[in-house]
PDB file of N, CA and C in Angstrom:
ATOM      1  N   MET A   1      68.390  80.881 108.993  1.00  0.00           N
ATOM      2  CA  MET A   1      68.935  81.026 110.325  1.00  0.00           C
ATOM      3  C   MET A   1      70.050  79.993 110.532  1.00  0.00           C
ATOM      4  N   ALA A   2      69.830  78.757 110.062  1.00  0.00           N
ATOM      5  CA  ALA A   2      70.841  77.708 110.239  1.00  0.00           C
ATOM      6  C   ALA A   2      72.091  78.039 109.461  1.00  0.00           C
ATOM      7  N   ILE A   3      71.956  78.630 108.274  1.00  0.00           N
ATOM      8  CA  ILE A   3      73.112  79.006 107.462  1.00  0.00           C
ATOM      9  C   ILE A   3      73.934  80.081 108.191  1.00  0.00           C
ATOM     10  N   LEU A   4      73.229  81.039 108.818  1.00  0.00           N
ATOM     11  CA  LEU A   4      73.940  82.062 109.593  1.00  0.00           C
ATOM     12  C   LEU A   4      74.739  81.459 110.744  1.00  0.00           C
ATOM     13  N   LEU A   5      74.155  80.532 111.428  1.00  0.00           N
ATOM     14  CA  LEU A   5      74.866  79.888 112.550  1.00  0.00           C
ATOM     15  C   LEU A   5      76.067  79.063 112.093  1.00  0.00           C
ATOM     16  N   ILE A   6      75.899  78.434 110.916  1.00  0.00           N
ATOM     17  CA  ILE A   6      77.035  77.671 110.385  1.00  0.00           C
ATOM     18  C   ILE A   6      78.178  78.604 109.989  1.00  0.00           C
ATOM     19  N   ARG A   7      77.806  79.736 109.349  1.00  0.00           N
ATOM     20  CA  ARG A   7      78.851  80.673 108.948  1.00  0.00           C
ATOM     21  C   ARG A   7      79.511  81.311 110.168  1.00  0.00           C
ATOM     22  N   LEU A   8      78.746  81.664 111.139  1.00  0.00           N
ATOM     23  CA  LEU A   8      79.305  82.208 112.417  1.00  0.00           C
ATOM     24  C   LEU A   8      80.243  81.219 113.083  1.00  0.00           C
ATOM     25  N   ASN A   9      79.846  79.973 113.108  1.00  0.00           N
ATOM     26  CA  ASN A   9      80.667  78.920 113.687  1.00  0.00           C
ATOM     27  C   ASN A   9      82.004  78.766 112.947  1.00  0.00           C
ATOM     28  N   LYS A  10      81.941  78.794 111.586  1.00  0.00           N
ATOM     29  CA  LYS A  10      83.155  78.723 110.794  1.00  0.00           C
ATOM     30  C   LYS A  10      84.054  79.936 111.048  1.00  0.00           C
ATOM     31  N   LEU A  11      83.440  81.099 111.143  1.00  0.00           N
ATOM     32  CA  LEU A  11      84.201  82.330 111.377  1.00  0.00           C
ATOM     33  C   LEU A  11      84.897  82.292 112.752  1.00  0.00           C
ATOM     34  N   ARG A  12      84.170  81.733 113.724  1.00  0.00           N
ATOM     35  CA  ARG A  12      84.757  81.615 115.064  1.00  0.00           C
ATOM     36  C   ARG A  12      85.937  80.646 115.128  1.00  0.00           C
ATOM     37  N   GLN A  13      85.906  79.648 114.303  1.00  0.00           N
ATOM     38  CA  GLN A  13      86.978  78.639 114.313  1.00  0.00           C
ATOM     39  C   GLN A  13      88.139  79.033 113.411  1.00  0.00           C
ATOM     40  N   ASP A  14      87.947  80.085 112.587  1.00  0.00           N
ATOM     41  CA  ASP A  14      88.995  80.536 111.666  1.00  0.00           C
ATOM     42  C   ASP A  14      90.096  81.193 112.443  1.00  0.00           C
ATOM     43  N   ARG A  15      91.352  80.708 112.312  1.00  0.00           N
ATOM     44  CA  ARG A  15      92.472  81.291 113.097  1.00  0.00           C
ATOM     45  C   ARG A  15      93.426  82.045 112.209  1.00  0.00           C
ATOM     46  N   ARG A  16      93.087  82.280 110.945  1.00  0.00           N
ATOM     47  CA  ARG A  16      93.925  83.085 110.052  1.00  0.00           C
ATOM     48  C   ARG A  16      93.971  84.507 110.593  1.00  0.00           C
ATOM     49  N   GLY A  17      95.146  85.089 110.603  1.00  0.00           N
ATOM     50  CA  GLY A  17      95.292  86.425 111.068  1.00  0.00           C
ATOM     51  C   GLY A  17      95.529  86.581 112.549  1.00  0.00           C
ATOM     52  N   GLN A  18      95.440  85.450 113.266  1.00  0.00           N
ATOM     53  CA  GLN A  18      95.652  85.484 114.720  1.00  0.00           C
ATOM     54  C   GLN A  18      97.073  85.898 115.016  1.00  0.00           C
ATOM     55  N   ASP A  19      98.033  85.390 114.258  1.00  0.00           N
ATOM     56  CA  ASP A  19      99.432  85.717 114.491  1.00  0.00           C
ATOM     57  C   ASP A  19      99.681  87.212 114.279  1.00  0.00           C
ATOM     58  N   ALA A  20      99.104  87.809 113.236  1.00  0.00           N
ATOM     59  CA  ALA A  20      99.262  89.197 112.974  1.00  0.00           C
ATOM     60  C   ALA A  20      98.692  90.018 114.145  1.00  0.00           C
ATOM     61  N   THR A  21      97.572  89.596 114.681  1.00  0.00           N
ATOM     62  CA  THR A  21      96.993  90.323 115.781  1.00  0.00           C
ATOM     63  C   THR A  21      97.882  90.247 117.016  1.00  0.00           C
ATOM     64  N   GLU A  22      98.444  89.062 117.272  1.00  0.00           N
ATOM     65  CA  GLU A  22      99.312  88.889 118.428  1.00  0.00           C
ATOM     66  C   GLU A  22     100.564  89.734 118.291  1.00  0.00           C
ATOM     67  N   TYR A  23     101.118  89.768 117.089  1.00  0.00           N
ATOM     68  CA  TYR A  23     102.340  90.576 116.860  1.00  0.00           C
ATOM     69  C   TYR A  23     102.038  92.058 117.026  1.00  0.00           C
ATOM     70  N   ALA A  24     100.856  92.499 116.587  1.00  0.00           N
ATOM     71  CA  ALA A  24     100.453  93.895 116.754  1.00  0.00           C
ATOM     72  C   ALA A  24     100.259  94.231 118.264  1.00  0.00           C
ATOM     73  N   LEU A  25      99.729  93.354 118.988  1.00  0.00           N
ATOM     74  CA  LEU A  25      99.598  93.557 120.426  1.00  0.00           C
ATOM     75  C   LEU A  25     100.913  93.650 121.133  1.00  0.00           C
ATOM     76  N   ILE A  26     101.842  92.777 120.724  1.00  0.00           N
ATOM     77  CA  ILE A  26     103.219  92.808 121.309  1.00  0.00           C
ATOM     78  C   ILE A  26     103.897  94.087 120.947  1.00  0.00           C
ATOM     79  N   ALA A  27     103.791  94.499 119.709  1.00  0.00           N
ATOM     80  CA  ALA A  27     104.402  95.806 119.274  1.00  0.00           C
ATOM     81  C   ALA A  27     103.817  96.946 120.022  1.00  0.00           C
ATOM     82  N   GLY A  28     102.514  96.944 120.225  1.00  0.00           N
ATOM     83  CA  GLY A  28     101.861  97.996 120.994  1.00  0.00           C
ATOM     84  C   GLY A  28     102.299  98.076 122.415  1.00  0.00           C
ATOM     85  N   MET A  29     102.447  96.886 123.075  1.00  0.00           N
ATOM     86  CA  MET A  29     102.897  96.856 124.451  1.00  0.00           C
ATOM     87  C   MET A  29     104.373  97.293 124.575  1.00  0.00           C
ATOM     88  N   THR A  30     105.154  96.924 123.614  1.00  0.00           N
ATOM     89  CA  THR A  30     106.588  97.299 123.623  1.00  0.00           C
ATOM     90  C   THR A  30     106.714  98.803 123.457  1.00  0.00           C
ATOM     91  N   ALA A  31     105.930  99.368 122.552  1.00  0.00           N
ATOM     92  CA  ALA A  31     105.967 100.817 122.345  1.00  0.00           C
ATOM     93  C   ALA A  31     105.499 101.549 123.626  1.00  0.00           C
ATOM     94  N   SER A  32     104.505 101.068 124.316  1.00  0.00           N
ATOM     95  CA  SER A  32     103.981 101.669 125.494  1.00  0.00           C
ATOM     96  C   SER A  32     105.045 101.612 126.608  1.00  0.00           C
ATOM     97  N   MET A  33     105.763 100.488 126.673  1.00  0.00           N
ATOM     98  CA  MET A  33     106.794 100.376 127.723  1.00  0.00           C
ATOM     99  C   MET A  33     107.930 101.350 127.407  1.00  0.00           C
ATOM    100  N   VAL A  34     108.337 101.479 126.152  1.00  0.00           N
ATOM    101  CA  VAL A  34     109.367 102.404 125.758  1.00  0.00           C
ATOM    102  C   VAL A  34     108.990 103.831 126.154  1.00  0.00           C
ATOM    103  N   VAL A  35     107.748 104.238 125.847  1.00  0.00           N
ATOM    104  CA  VAL A  35     107.310 105.574 126.132  1.00  0.00           C
ATOM    105  C   VAL A  35     107.265 105.814 127.674  1.00  0.00           C
ATOM    106  N   ALA A  36     106.913 104.776 128.422  1.00  0.00           N
ATOM    107  CA  ALA A  36     106.837 104.928 129.846  1.00  0.00           C
ATOM    108  C   ALA A  36     108.206 104.896 130.534  1.00  0.00           C
ATOM    109  N   VAL A  37     109.172 104.177 130.009  1.00  0.00           N
ATOM    110  CA  VAL A  37     110.462 103.943 130.717  1.00  0.00           C
ATOM    111  C   VAL A  37     111.536 104.906 130.221  1.00  0.00           C
ATOM    112  N   VAL A  38     111.591 105.272 128.995  1.00  0.00           N
ATOM    113  CA  VAL A  38     112.750 106.064 128.497  1.00  0.00           C
ATOM    114  C   VAL A  38     112.825 107.461 129.119  1.00  0.00           C
ATOM    115  N   PRO A  39     111.779 108.230 129.180  1.00  0.00           N
ATOM    116  CA  PRO A  39     111.964 109.598 129.756  1.00  0.00           C
ATOM    117  C   PRO A  39     112.508 109.620 131.175  1.00  0.00           C
ATOM    118  N   PRO A  40     112.046 108.767 132.118  1.00  0.00           N
ATOM    119  CA  PRO A  40     112.672 108.773 133.442  1.00  0.00           C
ATOM    120  C   PRO A  40     114.127 108.309 133.432  1.00  0.00           C
ATOM    121  N   MET A  41     114.434 107.369 132.534  1.00  0.00           N
ATOM    122  CA  MET A  41     115.826 106.920 132.439  1.00  0.00           C
ATOM    123  C   MET A  41     116.719 108.044 131.871  1.00  0.00           C
ATOM    124  N   MET A  42     116.200 108.796 130.944  1.00  0.00           N
ATOM    125  CA  MET A  42     116.978 109.907 130.419  1.00  0.00           C
ATOM    126  C   MET A  42     117.240 110.944 131.514  1.00  0.00           C
ATOM    127  N   SER A  43     116.276 111.191 132.361  1.00  0.00           N
ATOM    128  CA  SER A  43     116.399 112.137 133.446  1.00  0.00           C
ATOM    129  C   SER A  43     117.521 111.648 134.409  1.00  0.00           C
ATOM    130  N   ILE A  44     117.501 110.397 134.745  1.00  0.00           N
ATOM    131  CA  ILE A  44     118.480 109.806 135.623  1.00  0.00           C
ATOM    132  C   ILE A  44     119.895 109.895 134.952  1.00  0.00           C
ATOM    133  N   ALA A  45     119.980 109.576 133.667  1.00  0.00           N
ATOM    134  CA  ALA A  45     121.261 109.635 132.972  1.00  0.00           C
ATOM    135  C   ALA A  45     121.817 111.050 132.938  1.00  0.00           C
ATOM    136  N   LEU A  46     120.951 112.033 132.705  1.00  0.00           N
ATOM    137  CA  LEU A  46     121.423 113.420 132.689  1.00  0.00           C
ATOM    138  C   LEU A  46     121.887 113.813 134.097  1.00  0.00           C
ATOM    139  N   HIS A  47     121.217 113.392 135.106  1.00  0.00           N
ATOM    140  CA  HIS A  47     121.622 113.715 136.448  1.00  0.00           C
ATOM    141  C   HIS A  47     122.986 113.129 136.738  1.00  0.00           C
ATOM    142  N   LEU A  48     123.193 111.873 136.321  1.00  0.00           N
ATOM    143  CA  LEU A  48     124.502 111.199 136.543  1.00  0.00           C
ATOM    144  C   LEU A  48     125.625 111.914 135.803  1.00  0.00           C
ATOM    145  N   VAL A  49     125.337 112.401 134.599  1.00  0.00           N
ATOM    146  CA  VAL A  49     126.359 113.170 133.869  1.00  0.00           C
ATOM    147  C   VAL A  49     126.698 114.461 134.566  1.00  0.00           C
ATOM    148  N   GLU A  50     125.700 115.145 135.096  1.00  0.00           N
ATOM    149  CA  GLU A  50     125.955 116.370 135.862  1.00  0.00           C
ATOM    150  C   GLU A  50     126.801 116.070 137.073  1.00  0.00           C
ATOM    151  N   LEU A  51     126.516 115.008 137.794  1.00  0.00           N
ATOM    152  CA  LEU A  51     127.311 114.664 138.963  1.00  0.00           C
ATOM    153  C   LEU A  51     128.752 114.323 138.557  1.00  0.00           C
ATOM    154  N   LEU A  52     128.923 113.610 137.491  1.00  0.00           N
ATOM    155  CA  LEU A  52     130.271 113.297 137.008  1.00  0.00           C
ATOM    156  C   LEU A  52     131.051 114.551 136.646  1.00  0.00           C
ATOM    157  N   GLN A  53     130.355 115.506 136.057  1.00  0.00           N
ATOM    158  CA  GLN A  53     131.000 116.748 135.694  1.00  0.00           C
ATOM    159  C   GLN A  53     131.440 117.471 136.957  1.00  0.00           C
ATOM    160  N   GLN A  54     130.627 117.467 137.991  1.00  0.00           N
ATOM    161  CA  GLN A  54     130.978 118.130 139.244  1.00  0.00           C
ATOM    162  C   GLN A  54     132.165 117.445 139.882  1.00  0.00           C
ATOM    163  N   VAL A  55     132.195 116.123 139.883  1.00  0.00           N
ATOM    164  CA  VAL A  55     133.332 115.408 140.439  1.00  0.00           C
ATOM    165  C   VAL A  55     134.582 115.670 139.672  1.00  0.00           C
ATOM    166  N   ALA A  56     134.499 115.737 138.363  1.00  0.00           N
ATOM    167  CA  ALA A  56     135.671 116.036 137.545  1.00  0.00           C
ATOM    168  C   ALA A  56     136.187 117.447 137.816  1.00  0.00           C
ATOM    169  N   GLN A  57     135.305 118.395 138.014  1.00  0.00           N
ATOM    170  CA  GLN A  57     135.723 119.765 138.376  1.00  0.00           C
ATOM    171  C   GLN A  57     136.443 119.780 139.726  1.00  0.00           C
ATOM    172  N   VAL A  58     135.901 119.070 140.677  1.00  0.00           N
ATOM    173  CA  VAL A  58     136.556 119.020 141.987  1.00  0.00           C
ATOM    174  C   VAL A  58     137.939 118.380 141.932  1.00  0.00           C
ATOM    175  N   VAL A  59     138.042 117.345 141.151  1.00  0.00           N
ATOM    176  CA  VAL A  59     139.329 116.606 140.984  1.00  0.00           C
ATOM    177  C   VAL A  59     140.327 117.562 140.287  1.00  0.00           C
ATOM    178  N   LEU A  60     139.899 118.228 139.244  1.00  0.00           N
ATOM    179  CA  LEU A  60     140.804 119.122 138.533  1.00  0.00           C
ATOM    180  C   LEU A  60     141.254 120.274 139.414  1.00  0.00           C
ATOM    181  N   ARG A  61     140.343 120.801 140.231  1.00  0.00           N
ATOM    182  CA  ARG A  61     140.732 121.899 141.142  1.00  0.00           C
ATOM    183  C   ARG A  61     141.699 121.387 142.194  1.00  0.00           C
ATOM    184  N   ALA A  62     141.467 120.179 142.707  1.00  0.00           N
ATOM    185  CA  ALA A  62     142.433 119.622 143.695  1.00  0.00           C
ATOM    186  C   ALA A  62     143.776 119.364 143.065  1.00  0.00           C
ATOM    187  N   ALA A  63     143.801 118.910 141.861  1.00  0.00           N
ATOM    188  CA  ALA A  63     145.030 118.608 141.158  1.00  0.00           C
ATOM    189  C   ALA A  63     145.831 119.905 140.850  1.00  0.00           C
ATOM    190  N   SER A  64     145.098 120.977 140.562  1.00  0.00           N
ATOM    191  CA  SER A  64     145.805 122.252 140.216  1.00  0.00           C
ATOM    192  C   SER A  64     146.310 122.945 141.453  1.00  0.00           C
ATOM    193  N   VAL A  65     145.713 122.692 142.611  1.00  0.00           N
ATOM    194  CA  VAL A  65     146.173 123.312 143.851  1.00  0.00           C
ATOM    195  C   VAL A  65     147.478 122.705 144.284  1.00  0.00           C
ATOM    196  N   GLU A  66     147.659 121.453 144.121  1.00  0.00           N
ATOM    197  CA  GLU A  66     148.875 120.770 144.542  1.00  0.00           C
ATOM    198  C   GLU A  66     149.965 121.153 143.663  1.00  0.00           C
TER     199      GLU A  66
END
């Protein structure tokens, strides 16, 4: 029993691999943020492009009337 407690204590104090785990968590959070943020931003960007196209058409029509 004492050997098991000693081994568990050593395992608990072992910090090898902690950096890899932290980097994996950061990568996972970054990927989640990208998945959550990019689609709405693409929708906004497409809407802005459509608006710019409409403005350009109005300007071209006004320029051709004069």
